[in-house]
Amino acid sequence: VLGEGDSVGADARLVQATSLRVQEASLTGESEAVLKDASTLPELAPLGDRLDMVFKGTAVAQGTCRALVTATGMDTEMGSIAEMLEATAEEPTPLEKEIGRIGRMLSIAVVAIAVVVVASILLISNIRSAADVIHVLLLGVSLAVAAVPEGLSAILSVVLALGVQRMAKHNAIVKNLSSVETLGSASVIASDKTGTLTRAEMTIERVMTASGATHVTGVGYAPEGQVEHEGAALTSGPLHEEIVVTLSGGSLAGDADLRQGEGGEWEIHGDPTEAAFLVAERKLGVTERRAQRFERIGEIPFTSERKMMSTIEIDHEHGDEVVVITKGAPDVLLERCNRVRMGMDLVDLDDAWRARILADVDTLSDAALRTLAVAYRPLASGEDMQATESLERDLVFVGTVGIIDPPREEAALAIHEARRAGIRVIMITGDHPRTAARIAADLGIVEAGAAALTGSELDALDDAGFAEAVRKTSVYARVSPAHKLRIVDALQADGNIVAMTGDGVNDAPALKAADIGIAMGVTGTEVTKEAAKMILADDNFATIVEAVREGRRILDNIRK
């Protein structure tokens, strides 16, 4: 039996789950809590899609459940990661390999020269005694010793140490001196998505209502931006009224909180998706009005079966009228609505309206946006507020929002610079294929419309097909730790020097196998940092590109 805040101690199959959300970042790398369901799923579903299972090393973020233990210890998914990490041997860096090769060549050359010199002296000189022979041999040994560049190691250490200092100023902390040069040799950077290429801050990008579609500018949790319609700020009219109800309704039907810290930065407390409504509402400038107008007196919590949650509010602007406000999956919510809001008016929700709303949802989904809808209903006087099923019926549909974790602006520029420098950038994520492909296109990793290769599709390939796919594919989605390790191995087998980024325990085997593993300093786990050879103090992809640039300078200095 597990409840909110509990750590999962074994892999287990859900028997019963109530509003269960589990934080699986350690396994999948995705920061958003996963909604779990006890319904049966296909046996070979990807790790991120096994909604009927809970795994060792994860934590319950919300709800309760009963589950039957299926694996413990090293037999768990976390145990398999530990086995992969232990079985992965650390390979010498390109610099170490080159120094070893040069050392062997010098040794052979020095010995050969010494032998030739000694033999020549013995042949042409007038050797009269054993002492003369010994003298010639000592001369050969002296020549061999003198020919060895004893200062090479010291010079390399100084050059690398200076490079480490310069990298530290760019928030790149190097654990191994020789790794500095490896960065300069990197031909492929394999990066996680969430938090490295994206902001890890859920943001409402679009809102669609009966009167039209709007775009919300600004990204992240800082409420800087505005709601626009056809390129102009939306300040009045029927569409404005619908957007106000949608964003304020979504803010009411949630438990997140948006606060400004002492340093002026904005912070969220609670579910990131719920916080996205608070940020968009503040951009619209109606937060204070909503806070003064409504008072919560009840709540119907979210469950995986219902796929929605509701709050019961007193509306102080309308004679203390009691209103139920619901937020949830658009298709589910639409089935509970019989009217739609147009400005200040309500119209019947007929089949044509339903088709139009579902088309709006498809439009948002095609843009790789996560969709949520908002509806409400004023309660009749004396209506039983304990009858939850009837409260969420005959609702008024208001609008649908599209939410995304936006890409970092500096990451797009850094990727462009990396490609100009001849470095291939690939994305490896546990997120959905459509979302991964959209973010990759926005960042310039792939062209718009390119597809992501999933873990299930990788499993269906033989070794030759896998190697060919890795040469052509730049976006991988729904991958497991074993997939990441196999991708890194295939890239190396194809002659690439691979730099791999990661933050979760699931990334550790691939980080250790890569030519240079790069761990996130802010969100990275201790296991990941231990397996990596470099740590990003700011979790910023642009820092990697700057470190590669510094590595190439060092490589040039070493060659000189």
Protein backbone atom coordinates (compact mmCIF):
# COMPACT_ATOMS: atom_id res chain seq x y z
CA VAL A 1 0.00 0.00 0.00
CA LEU A 2 1.47 3.35 -1.06
CA GLY A 3 0.41 6.94 -0.43
CA GLU A 4 1.52 10.46 -1.24
CA GLY A 5 5.19 11.02 -0.38
CA ASP A 6 6.08 7.31 -0.18
CA SER A 7 9.14 5.92 -1.93
CA VAL A 8 8.54 2.76 -3.94
CA GLY A 9 10.75 -0.07 -2.65
CA ALA A 10 10.14 -2.66 -5.37
CA ASP A 11 8.67 -3.09 -8.84
CA ALA A 12 4.96 -3.82 -8.44
CA ARG A 13 1.79 -4.32 -10.49
CA LEU A 14 -1.06 -2.01 -9.56
CA VAL A 15 -4.18 -3.68 -8.22
CA GLN A 16 -6.03 -0.51 -7.31
CA ALA A 17 -5.12 3.16 -7.80
CA THR A 18 -6.83 6.39 -6.75
CA SER A 19 -5.62 9.70 -8.23
CA LEU A 20 -2.16 8.12 -8.41
CA ARG A 21 0.69 10.17 -9.85
CA VAL A 22 4.25 8.88 -9.58
CA GLN A 23 7.49 10.80 -10.06
CA GLU A 24 9.57 8.60 -12.40
CA ALA A 25 12.34 11.03 -13.37
CA SER A 26 14.99 8.63 -12.06
CA LEU A 27 13.87 6.02 -14.62
CA THR A 28 12.60 7.99 -17.62
CA GLY A 29 14.26 11.40 -17.22
CA GLU A 30 10.90 13.19 -17.50
CA SER A 31 10.19 15.57 -14.63
CA GLU A 32 6.39 15.53 -14.83
CA ALA A 33 4.63 13.08 -12.53
CA VAL A 34 3.04 10.16 -14.42
CA LEU A 35 -0.65 9.37 -14.02
CA LYS A 36 -1.00 5.66 -13.17
CA ASP A 37 -3.88 3.31 -13.89
CA ALA A 38 -4.52 -0.27 -12.78
CA SER A 39 -5.88 -1.23 -16.23
CA THR A 40 -3.99 -3.96 -18.08
CA LEU A 41 -1.46 -2.86 -20.71
CA PRO A 42 0.52 -4.79 -23.35
CA GLU A 43 3.39 -6.75 -21.83
CA LEU A 44 6.01 -5.19 -24.11
CA ALA A 45 4.98 -1.55 -23.56
CA PRO A 46 7.91 0.91 -23.31
CA LEU A 47 9.05 1.77 -19.80
CA GLY A 48 7.46 5.23 -19.88
CA ASP A 49 4.10 3.78 -20.99
CA ARG A 50 3.78 1.10 -18.30
CA LEU A 51 1.04 2.92 -16.47
CA ASP A 52 -0.07 -0.22 -14.62
CA MET A 53 3.29 -0.56 -12.82
CA VAL A 54 5.23 1.28 -10.13
CA PHE A 55 9.00 0.93 -9.96
CA LYS A 56 11.68 0.84 -7.29
CA GLY A 57 13.39 4.19 -6.80
CA THR A 58 10.37 6.28 -7.82
CA ALA A 59 8.10 8.26 -5.48
CA VAL A 60 4.35 8.79 -5.13
CA ALA A 61 3.57 12.44 -5.86
CA GLN A 62 -0.20 12.18 -5.39
CA GLY A 63 -2.90 9.67 -4.54
CA THR A 64 -2.86 6.15 -3.12
CA CYS A 65 -2.61 2.61 -4.46
CA ARG A 66 -2.42 -1.07 -3.66
CA ALA A 67 0.10 -3.09 -5.68
CA LEU A 68 1.45 -6.63 -5.96
CA VAL A 69 5.25 -6.87 -5.82
CA THR A 70 6.71 -8.41 -8.99
CA ALA A 71 10.46 -7.87 -8.53
CA THR A 72 12.92 -6.89 -5.81
CA GLY A 73 16.61 -6.03 -5.57
CA MET A 74 18.66 -6.55 -8.72
CA ASP A 75 15.62 -7.98 -10.56
CA THR A 76 13.94 -4.56 -10.63
CA GLU A 77 14.27 -1.96 -13.41
CA MET A 78 16.55 0.03 -11.10
CA GLY A 79 18.58 -3.11 -10.45
CA SER A 80 19.04 -3.69 -14.17
CA ILE A 81 20.43 -0.15 -14.45
CA ALA A 82 22.90 -0.93 -11.65
CA GLU A 83 23.98 -4.10 -13.48
CA MET A 84 24.49 -2.19 -16.73
CA LEU A 85 26.49 0.46 -14.89
CA GLU A 86 28.70 -2.16 -13.27
CA ALA A 87 29.22 -4.02 -16.55
CA THR A 88 30.14 -0.89 -18.48
CA ALA A 89 33.91 -0.53 -18.61
CA GLU A 90 35.52 2.89 -18.79
CA GLU A 91 37.44 3.29 -22.04
CA PRO A 92 40.60 5.43 -22.26
CA THR A 93 40.05 8.88 -23.72
CA PRO A 94 41.26 9.73 -27.26
CA LEU A 95 44.14 11.70 -25.72
CA GLU A 96 45.17 8.76 -23.56
CA LYS A 97 45.02 6.47 -26.60
CA GLU A 98 47.10 8.92 -28.65
CA ILE A 99 49.70 9.37 -25.91
CA GLY A 100 49.96 5.59 -25.61
CA ARG A 101 50.40 5.25 -29.37
CA ILE A 102 53.05 7.98 -29.47
CA GLY A 103 54.81 6.40 -26.51
CA ARG A 104 54.99 3.04 -28.26
CA MET A 105 56.26 4.62 -31.48
CA LEU A 106 58.90 6.65 -29.62
CA SER A 107 60.05 3.58 -27.72
CA ILE A 108 60.50 1.59 -30.89
CA ALA A 109 62.22 4.50 -32.66
CA VAL A 110 64.56 5.27 -29.75
CA VAL A 111 65.56 1.64 -29.31
CA ALA A 112 66.13 1.26 -33.05
CA ILE A 113 68.28 4.40 -33.23
CA ALA A 114 70.29 3.38 -30.16
CA VAL A 115 70.92 -0.08 -31.63
CA VAL A 116 72.01 1.37 -34.98
CA VAL A 117 74.32 3.89 -33.30
CA VAL A 118 75.90 1.28 -31.00
CA ALA A 119 76.33 -1.19 -33.87
CA SER A 120 77.88 1.45 -36.09
CA ILE A 121 80.38 2.51 -33.43
CA LEU A 122 81.31 -1.09 -32.72
CA LEU A 123 81.90 -1.74 -36.42
CA ILE A 124 83.99 1.30 -37.27
CA SER A 125 85.79 1.84 -33.97
CA ASN A 126 88.96 0.13 -32.79
CA ILE A 127 87.57 -1.82 -29.88
CA ARG A 128 90.47 -3.25 -27.85
CA SER A 129 88.86 -4.22 -24.54
CA ALA A 130 85.65 -5.03 -22.72
CA ALA A 131 85.79 -1.57 -21.18
CA ASP A 132 85.50 -0.05 -24.66
CA VAL A 133 82.44 -2.19 -25.38
CA ILE A 134 80.83 -1.17 -22.10
CA HIS A 135 81.56 2.48 -22.90
CA VAL A 136 79.82 2.19 -26.29
CA LEU A 137 76.82 0.44 -24.75
CA LEU A 138 76.52 3.16 -22.09
CA LEU A 139 76.64 5.72 -24.88
CA GLY A 140 73.71 3.97 -26.56
CA VAL A 141 71.73 3.93 -23.32
CA SER A 142 72.46 7.63 -22.77
CA LEU A 143 71.28 8.39 -26.30
CA ALA A 144 68.04 6.46 -25.71
CA VAL A 145 67.37 8.26 -22.43
CA ALA A 146 68.11 11.65 -23.96
CA ALA A 147 65.75 11.01 -26.86
CA VAL A 148 62.74 10.38 -24.58
CA PRO A 149 60.65 13.59 -24.15
CA GLU A 150 60.41 13.49 -20.34
CA GLY A 151 58.75 16.91 -20.21
CA LEU A 152 55.81 15.90 -22.43
CA SER A 153 53.63 14.68 -19.56
CA ALA A 154 54.29 17.81 -17.51
CA ILE A 155 53.52 20.08 -20.45
CA LEU A 156 50.29 18.23 -21.21
CA SER A 157 49.21 18.42 -17.56
CA VAL A 158 49.80 22.19 -17.47
CA VAL A 159 47.92 22.78 -20.74
CA LEU A 160 44.97 20.64 -19.59
CA ALA A 161 44.89 22.21 -16.12
CA LEU A 162 44.70 25.69 -17.63
CA GLY A 163 41.86 24.47 -19.82
CA VAL A 164 40.00 23.10 -16.80
CA GLN A 165 40.24 26.51 -15.13
CA ARG A 166 38.84 28.27 -18.19
CA MET A 167 36.00 25.74 -18.47
CA ALA A 168 35.09 26.24 -14.82
CA LYS A 169 34.48 29.92 -15.57
CA HIS A 170 31.85 28.77 -18.09
CA ASN A 171 30.11 26.52 -15.48
CA ALA A 172 31.68 23.31 -16.83
CA ILE A 173 33.33 21.34 -14.02
CA VAL A 174 35.77 18.74 -15.36
CA LYS A 175 36.58 15.72 -13.17
CA ASN A 176 39.28 14.21 -15.39
CA LEU A 177 42.04 16.29 -17.03
CA SER A 178 42.19 14.21 -20.20
CA SER A 179 38.43 14.71 -20.68
CA VAL A 180 39.15 18.31 -21.62
CA GLU A 181 40.76 17.22 -24.87
CA THR A 182 37.99 14.67 -25.49
CA LEU A 183 35.45 17.48 -25.69
CA GLY A 184 37.49 19.09 -28.43
CA SER A 185 37.36 15.83 -30.40
CA ALA A 186 33.61 15.26 -29.96
CA SER A 187 31.73 14.60 -33.20
CA VAL A 188 28.32 13.81 -31.65
CA ILE A 189 26.51 15.35 -28.69
CA ALA A 190 23.65 13.15 -27.43
CA SER A 191 21.42 15.21 -25.15
CA ASP A 192 18.45 14.62 -22.91
CA LYS A 193 15.45 16.89 -23.59
CA THR A 194 13.80 17.96 -20.36
CA GLY A 195 15.73 20.62 -18.47
CA THR A 196 18.72 20.57 -20.83
CA LEU A 197 17.22 21.49 -24.19
CA THR A 198 13.96 22.68 -22.64
CA ARG A 199 13.21 24.89 -19.64
CA ALA A 200 11.37 22.21 -17.61
CA GLU A 201 8.67 24.85 -17.07
CA MET A 202 5.24 23.96 -18.45
CA THR A 203 3.80 26.89 -20.41
CA ILE A 204 0.39 27.56 -21.97
CA GLU A 205 1.09 28.45 -25.59
CA ARG A 206 -2.38 28.58 -27.13
CA VAL A 207 -6.00 28.94 -25.97
CA MET A 208 -8.95 28.04 -28.20
CA THR A 209 -12.55 29.03 -27.41
CA ALA A 210 -15.85 29.48 -29.24
CA SER A 211 -14.88 32.91 -30.60
CA GLY A 212 -11.44 31.97 -31.89
CA ALA A 213 -7.85 31.09 -31.12
CA THR A 214 -5.28 33.08 -29.15
CA HIS A 215 -1.52 32.86 -28.66
CA VAL A 216 0.12 33.39 -25.26
CA THR A 217 3.56 35.01 -25.51
CA GLY A 218 6.41 34.49 -23.06
CA VAL A 219 7.82 31.23 -21.74
CA GLY A 220 8.52 29.78 -18.32
CA TYR A 221 7.08 30.66 -14.94
CA ALA A 222 7.83 34.39 -15.11
CA PRO A 223 4.47 36.04 -16.04
CA GLU A 224 6.06 38.17 -18.75
CA GLY A 225 4.02 38.27 -21.94
CA GLN A 226 0.47 38.76 -23.11
CA VAL A 227 -2.47 37.03 -24.73
CA GLU A 228 -2.65 37.91 -28.41
CA HIS A 229 -5.25 37.48 -31.15
CA GLU A 230 -4.10 37.93 -34.74
CA GLY A 231 -0.87 39.55 -33.55
CA ALA A 232 -2.44 42.17 -31.27
CA ALA A 233 -2.92 42.17 -27.50
CA LEU A 234 -6.37 40.94 -26.48
CA THR A 235 -7.96 43.44 -24.08
CA SER A 236 -11.73 43.29 -24.59
CA GLY A 237 -14.61 41.70 -26.45
CA PRO A 238 -16.31 38.28 -26.37
CA LEU A 239 -13.06 36.39 -27.02
CA HIS A 240 -11.38 38.20 -24.13
CA GLU A 241 -14.23 37.23 -21.81
CA GLU A 242 -13.93 33.57 -22.83
CA ILE A 243 -10.16 33.58 -22.27
CA VAL A 244 -10.62 35.13 -18.81
CA VAL A 245 -13.05 32.38 -17.80
CA THR A 246 -10.81 29.65 -19.27
CA LEU A 247 -7.59 30.75 -17.55
CA SER A 248 -9.18 31.79 -14.25
CA GLY A 249 -11.28 28.61 -14.22
CA GLY A 250 -8.19 26.48 -14.81
CA SER A 251 -6.41 28.33 -12.01
CA LEU A 252 -9.29 27.72 -9.60
CA ALA A 253 -9.54 24.01 -10.45
CA GLY A 254 -6.06 23.26 -9.15
CA ASP A 255 -3.85 23.36 -6.07
CA ALA A 256 -0.63 24.89 -7.43
CA ASP A 257 0.77 28.21 -6.24
CA LEU A 258 2.85 30.84 -8.03
CA ARG A 259 5.06 33.07 -5.87
CA GLN A 260 7.79 35.63 -6.36
CA GLY A 261 10.90 34.87 -4.31
CA GLU A 262 13.04 37.30 -2.36
CA GLY A 263 15.39 37.66 -5.32
CA GLY A 264 12.52 38.52 -7.67
CA GLU A 265 12.44 35.14 -9.41
CA TRP A 266 9.11 33.37 -9.84
CA GLU A 267 8.65 29.96 -8.25
CA ILE A 268 5.88 27.38 -8.39
CA HIS A 269 4.67 25.05 -5.67
CA GLY A 270 2.65 22.09 -6.85
CA ASP A 271 1.90 20.52 -10.21
CA PRO A 272 3.73 22.28 -13.11
CA THR A 273 0.76 21.90 -15.45
CA GLU A 274 -1.59 23.55 -12.96
CA ALA A 275 0.96 26.32 -12.47
CA ALA A 276 0.86 27.04 -16.21
CA PHE A 277 -2.72 28.33 -15.79
CA LEU A 278 -1.62 30.68 -13.00
CA VAL A 279 1.17 32.13 -15.15
CA ALA A 280 -1.07 32.67 -18.20
CA GLU A 281 -3.80 34.20 -16.02
CA ARG A 282 -1.30 36.68 -14.56
CA LYS A 283 -0.18 37.62 -18.07
CA LEU A 284 -3.83 38.45 -18.81
CA GLY A 285 -3.91 40.64 -15.68
CA VAL A 286 -6.95 39.14 -13.96
CA THR A 287 -5.34 37.23 -11.07
CA GLU A 288 -6.24 39.68 -8.30
CA ARG A 289 -9.83 39.98 -9.49
CA ARG A 290 -10.24 36.20 -9.50
CA ALA A 291 -8.67 35.84 -6.03
CA GLN A 292 -11.08 38.40 -4.55
CA ARG A 293 -14.12 37.10 -6.39
CA PHE A 294 -14.04 33.38 -5.60
CA GLU A 295 -13.81 31.40 -2.36
CA ARG A 296 -13.32 27.62 -2.39
CA ILE A 297 -15.70 25.60 -0.24
CA GLY A 298 -15.25 22.12 -1.71
CA GLU A 299 -13.25 19.93 -4.07
CA ILE A 300 -13.71 16.79 -6.15
CA PRO A 301 -10.17 15.39 -6.59
CA PHE A 302 -8.66 14.17 -9.82
CA THR A 303 -8.67 10.42 -10.48
CA SER A 304 -7.25 8.44 -13.36
CA GLU A 305 -10.69 7.01 -14.06
CA ARG A 306 -12.46 10.40 -14.24
CA LYS A 307 -9.54 12.30 -15.84
CA MET A 308 -10.72 15.59 -14.35
CA MET A 309 -10.97 17.52 -11.10
CA SER A 310 -13.46 20.10 -9.85
CA THR A 311 -13.66 22.75 -7.18
CA ILE A 312 -16.78 24.26 -5.68
CA GLU A 313 -16.54 28.04 -5.33
CA ILE A 314 -18.61 30.89 -3.93
CA ASP A 315 -18.85 33.72 -6.48
CA HIS A 316 -18.95 36.93 -4.43
CA GLU A 317 -19.59 39.10 -7.52
CA HIS A 318 -22.85 37.30 -8.26
CA GLY A 319 -24.64 37.32 -4.94
CA ASP A 320 -22.57 34.51 -3.40
CA GLU A 321 -23.73 32.10 -6.08
CA VAL A 322 -22.14 28.64 -5.80
CA VAL A 323 -20.30 27.44 -8.91
CA VAL A 324 -18.61 24.15 -9.79
CA ILE A 325 -15.51 24.61 -11.97
CA THR A 326 -14.03 21.60 -13.76
CA LYS A 327 -10.73 21.03 -15.55
CA GLY A 328 -9.76 17.85 -17.38
CA ALA A 329 -9.24 15.93 -20.60
CA PRO A 330 -11.19 17.67 -23.41
CA ASP A 331 -12.92 14.54 -24.73
CA VAL A 332 -14.07 13.50 -21.25
CA LEU A 333 -15.19 17.00 -20.29
CA LEU A 334 -17.08 17.50 -23.53
CA GLU A 335 -19.29 14.50 -22.78
CA ARG A 336 -20.45 16.23 -19.59
CA CYS A 337 -21.32 19.56 -21.25
CA ASN A 338 -24.59 20.65 -22.86
CA ARG A 339 -23.81 24.33 -23.52
CA VAL A 340 -20.87 26.40 -24.72
CA ARG A 341 -19.93 29.93 -23.72
CA MET A 342 -19.73 32.67 -26.38
CA GLY A 343 -18.69 35.94 -24.77
CA MET A 344 -21.31 36.58 -22.11
CA ASP A 345 -23.89 34.30 -23.76
CA LEU A 346 -24.53 30.55 -23.58
CA VAL A 347 -25.55 28.47 -26.62
CA ASP A 348 -26.59 24.85 -26.92
CA LEU A 349 -23.73 22.41 -27.50
CA ASP A 350 -24.98 20.56 -30.58
CA ASP A 351 -23.11 18.07 -32.78
CA ALA A 352 -21.62 20.84 -34.92
CA TRP A 353 -20.15 22.54 -31.87
CA ARG A 354 -18.79 19.25 -30.56
CA ALA A 355 -17.09 18.54 -33.88
CA ARG A 356 -15.57 22.02 -33.93
CA ILE A 357 -14.21 21.72 -30.39
CA LEU A 358 -12.73 18.28 -31.10
CA ALA A 359 -11.13 19.72 -34.26
CA ASP A 360 -9.54 22.42 -32.07
CA VAL A 361 -8.19 19.70 -29.78
CA ASP A 362 -6.73 17.86 -32.79
CA THR A 363 -5.08 21.08 -33.98
CA LEU A 364 -3.37 21.54 -30.61
CA SER A 365 -2.37 17.88 -30.42
CA ASP A 366 -0.89 18.01 -33.93
CA ALA A 367 1.34 20.83 -32.67
CA ALA A 368 2.59 18.47 -29.92
CA LEU A 369 0.77 20.43 -27.24
CA ARG A 370 -0.77 18.79 -24.19
CA THR A 371 -4.46 19.68 -24.03
CA LEU A 372 -6.73 20.48 -21.10
CA ALA A 373 -10.26 21.89 -21.16
CA VAL A 374 -12.23 24.02 -18.69
CA ALA A 375 -15.97 24.03 -17.98
CA TYR A 376 -18.29 25.27 -15.22
CA ARG A 377 -21.87 25.30 -13.95
CA PRO A 378 -23.73 27.50 -11.45
CA LEU A 379 -25.42 25.25 -8.89
CA ALA A 380 -29.11 25.51 -8.17
CA SER A 381 -30.14 26.72 -4.74
CA GLY A 382 -30.18 23.81 -2.31
CA GLU A 383 -28.40 21.42 -4.68
CA ASP A 384 -26.60 18.59 -2.88
CA MET A 385 -22.87 19.35 -3.06
CA GLN A 386 -22.00 15.84 -1.89
CA ALA A 387 -23.47 14.24 -5.02
CA THR A 388 -20.24 14.51 -7.00
CA GLU A 389 -21.48 12.64 -10.07
CA SER A 390 -24.41 15.00 -10.63
CA LEU A 391 -22.34 18.11 -9.89
CA GLU A 392 -20.15 17.45 -12.91
CA ARG A 393 -23.05 17.18 -15.34
CA ASP A 394 -24.74 19.71 -17.67
CA LEU A 395 -21.62 21.85 -17.68
CA VAL A 396 -20.85 24.92 -19.79
CA PHE A 397 -17.82 24.34 -22.01
CA VAL A 398 -15.46 27.34 -22.07
CA GLY A 399 -12.17 26.58 -23.79
CA THR A 400 -9.16 24.36 -24.44
CA VAL A 401 -5.52 25.19 -23.74
CA GLY A 402 -2.36 23.83 -25.35
CA ILE A 403 0.61 23.36 -22.99
CA ILE A 404 4.27 22.63 -23.72
CA ASP A 405 7.64 22.58 -22.01
CA PRO A 406 9.29 25.22 -24.24
CA PRO A 407 12.81 24.91 -25.63
CA ARG A 408 15.61 27.05 -24.21
CA GLU A 409 16.36 30.01 -26.47
CA GLU A 410 20.11 29.68 -25.89
CA ALA A 411 19.95 25.97 -26.76
CA ALA A 412 18.75 26.70 -30.31
CA LEU A 413 21.68 29.07 -30.89
CA ALA A 414 24.13 26.60 -29.35
CA ILE A 415 22.86 23.78 -31.59
CA HIS A 416 23.28 26.01 -34.64
CA GLU A 417 26.87 26.75 -33.61
CA ALA A 418 27.53 23.05 -32.99
CA ARG A 419 26.30 22.11 -36.45
CA ARG A 420 28.47 24.82 -38.01
CA ALA A 421 31.42 23.30 -36.18
CA GLY A 422 30.65 19.91 -37.70
CA ILE A 423 29.16 18.39 -34.54
CA ARG A 424 25.98 16.35 -34.87
CA VAL A 425 23.41 16.90 -32.11
CA ILE A 426 20.87 14.18 -31.30
CA MET A 427 18.04 14.14 -28.75
CA ILE A 428 17.35 11.07 -26.59
CA THR A 429 14.28 11.36 -24.37
CA GLY A 430 11.69 9.31 -22.55
CA ASP A 431 8.95 11.71 -23.69
CA HIS A 432 6.31 11.04 -26.36
CA PRO A 433 7.51 10.86 -30.01
CA ARG A 434 5.32 13.73 -31.20
CA THR A 435 6.53 16.06 -28.45
CA ALA A 436 10.16 15.05 -29.01
CA ALA A 437 9.93 15.68 -32.76
CA ARG A 438 8.27 19.09 -32.23
CA ILE A 439 10.94 20.28 -29.78
CA ALA A 440 13.74 18.92 -31.98
CA ALA A 441 12.35 20.82 -34.97
CA ASP A 442 12.00 24.03 -32.94
CA LEU A 443 15.64 23.72 -31.88
CA GLY A 444 16.93 22.98 -35.37
CA ILE A 445 18.05 19.42 -34.65
CA VAL A 446 15.80 18.08 -37.43
CA GLU A 447 13.61 19.53 -40.14
CA ALA A 448 9.93 20.15 -39.40
CA GLY A 449 7.89 17.02 -39.99
CA ALA A 450 10.71 14.60 -39.19
CA ALA A 451 9.70 11.61 -37.08
CA ALA A 452 11.24 10.32 -33.87
CA LEU A 453 12.41 6.73 -33.52
CA THR A 454 10.91 5.00 -30.47
CA GLY A 455 12.36 2.37 -28.18
CA SER A 456 9.87 -0.20 -29.47
CA GLU A 457 10.98 0.44 -33.05
CA LEU A 458 14.63 0.07 -32.02
CA ASP A 459 13.87 -3.30 -30.43
CA ALA A 460 12.48 -4.54 -33.75
CA LEU A 461 15.79 -3.90 -35.57
CA ASP A 462 18.67 -6.35 -35.94
CA ASP A 463 22.25 -5.18 -35.36
CA ALA A 464 22.77 -4.07 -38.96
CA GLY A 465 19.45 -2.25 -39.07
CA PHE A 466 20.16 -0.64 -35.70
CA ALA A 467 23.54 0.64 -36.88
CA GLU A 468 21.99 2.07 -40.04
CA ALA A 469 19.16 3.73 -38.07
CA VAL A 470 21.63 5.37 -35.69
CA ARG A 471 23.51 6.90 -38.64
CA LYS A 472 20.33 8.58 -39.91
CA THR A 473 18.22 9.29 -36.81
CA SER A 474 18.62 12.40 -34.65
CA VAL A 475 15.55 12.09 -32.38
CA TYR A 476 14.80 9.13 -30.09
CA ALA A 477 11.69 8.94 -27.90
CA ARG A 478 10.27 6.58 -25.30
CA VAL A 479 13.68 4.97 -24.80
CA SER A 480 14.88 2.92 -21.82
CA PRO A 481 18.34 3.00 -20.16
CA ALA A 482 19.32 -0.06 -22.23
CA HIS A 483 18.35 1.75 -25.44
CA LYS A 484 20.48 4.77 -24.50
CA LEU A 485 23.49 2.55 -23.84
CA ARG A 486 22.99 0.72 -27.13
CA ILE A 487 22.69 4.00 -29.06
CA VAL A 488 25.95 5.30 -27.57
CA ASP A 489 27.73 2.01 -28.37
CA ALA A 490 26.46 2.10 -31.97
CA LEU A 491 27.61 5.70 -32.45
CA GLN A 492 31.08 4.82 -31.14
CA ALA A 493 31.26 1.72 -33.33
CA ASP A 494 30.59 4.01 -36.30
CA GLY A 495 33.75 5.98 -35.45
CA ASN A 496 32.19 8.87 -33.52
CA ILE A 497 33.52 10.55 -30.38
CA VAL A 498 30.34 10.79 -28.28
CA ALA A 499 29.50 13.33 -25.58
CA MET A 500 26.38 12.26 -23.65
CA THR A 501 24.32 14.36 -21.22
CA GLY A 502 21.97 13.13 -18.51
CA ASP A 503 20.56 13.80 -15.06
CA GLY A 504 18.78 10.68 -13.83
CA VAL A 505 19.93 7.28 -12.64
CA ASN A 506 18.63 5.94 -15.95
CA ASP A 507 21.30 7.92 -17.80
CA ALA A 508 24.27 6.63 -15.76
CA PRO A 509 25.20 3.56 -17.90
CA ALA A 510 25.19 5.61 -21.12
CA LEU A 511 27.18 8.42 -19.47
CA LYS A 512 29.82 5.97 -18.33
CA ALA A 513 30.03 4.33 -21.77
CA ALA A 514 30.26 7.63 -23.67
CA ASP A 515 33.66 9.12 -24.50
CA ILE A 516 32.69 11.95 -22.18
CA GLY A 517 29.63 11.76 -19.94
CA ILE A 518 28.16 15.11 -18.89
CA ALA A 519 25.93 15.26 -15.80
CA MET A 520 23.56 18.05 -14.80
CA GLY A 521 24.80 19.88 -11.71
CA VAL A 522 21.41 21.21 -10.55
CA THR A 523 19.00 18.36 -11.31
CA GLY A 524 21.51 15.51 -11.63
CA THR A 525 21.57 12.64 -9.14
CA GLU A 526 24.71 11.63 -7.26
CA VAL A 527 24.87 8.38 -9.24
CA THR A 528 24.86 10.33 -12.51
CA LYS A 529 27.52 12.77 -11.33
CA GLU A 530 29.72 9.86 -10.23
CA ALA A 531 29.44 8.18 -13.65
CA ALA A 532 30.13 11.40 -15.57
CA LYS A 533 33.46 12.99 -16.43
CA MET A 534 32.09 16.53 -16.54
CA ILE A 535 29.34 18.35 -14.63
CA LEU A 536 27.31 21.31 -15.90
CA ALA A 537 26.83 23.68 -12.99
CA ASP A 538 23.95 25.49 -14.76
CA ASP A 539 22.25 22.55 -16.59
CA ASN A 540 22.57 24.58 -19.80
CA PHE A 541 23.19 22.99 -23.19
CA ALA A 542 24.95 26.14 -24.38
CA THR A 543 27.62 25.44 -21.76
CA ILE A 544 28.45 22.16 -23.53
CA VAL A 545 29.08 23.94 -26.83
CA GLU A 546 31.28 26.51 -25.08
CA ALA A 547 33.19 23.67 -23.42
CA VAL A 548 33.68 21.98 -26.81
CA ARG A 549 35.06 25.24 -28.17
CA GLU A 550 37.52 25.42 -25.27
CA GLY A 551 38.42 21.77 -25.79
CA ARG A 552 39.32 22.46 -29.41
CA ARG A 553 41.59 25.33 -28.36
CA ILE A 554 43.36 22.98 -25.96
CA LEU A 555 43.64 20.31 -28.67
CA ASP A 556 45.27 22.86 -30.98
CA ASN A 557 47.72 23.84 -28.23
CA ILE A 558 48.64 20.21 -27.60
CA ARG A 559 49.28 19.63 -31.31
CA LYS A 560 51.51 22.70 -31.44
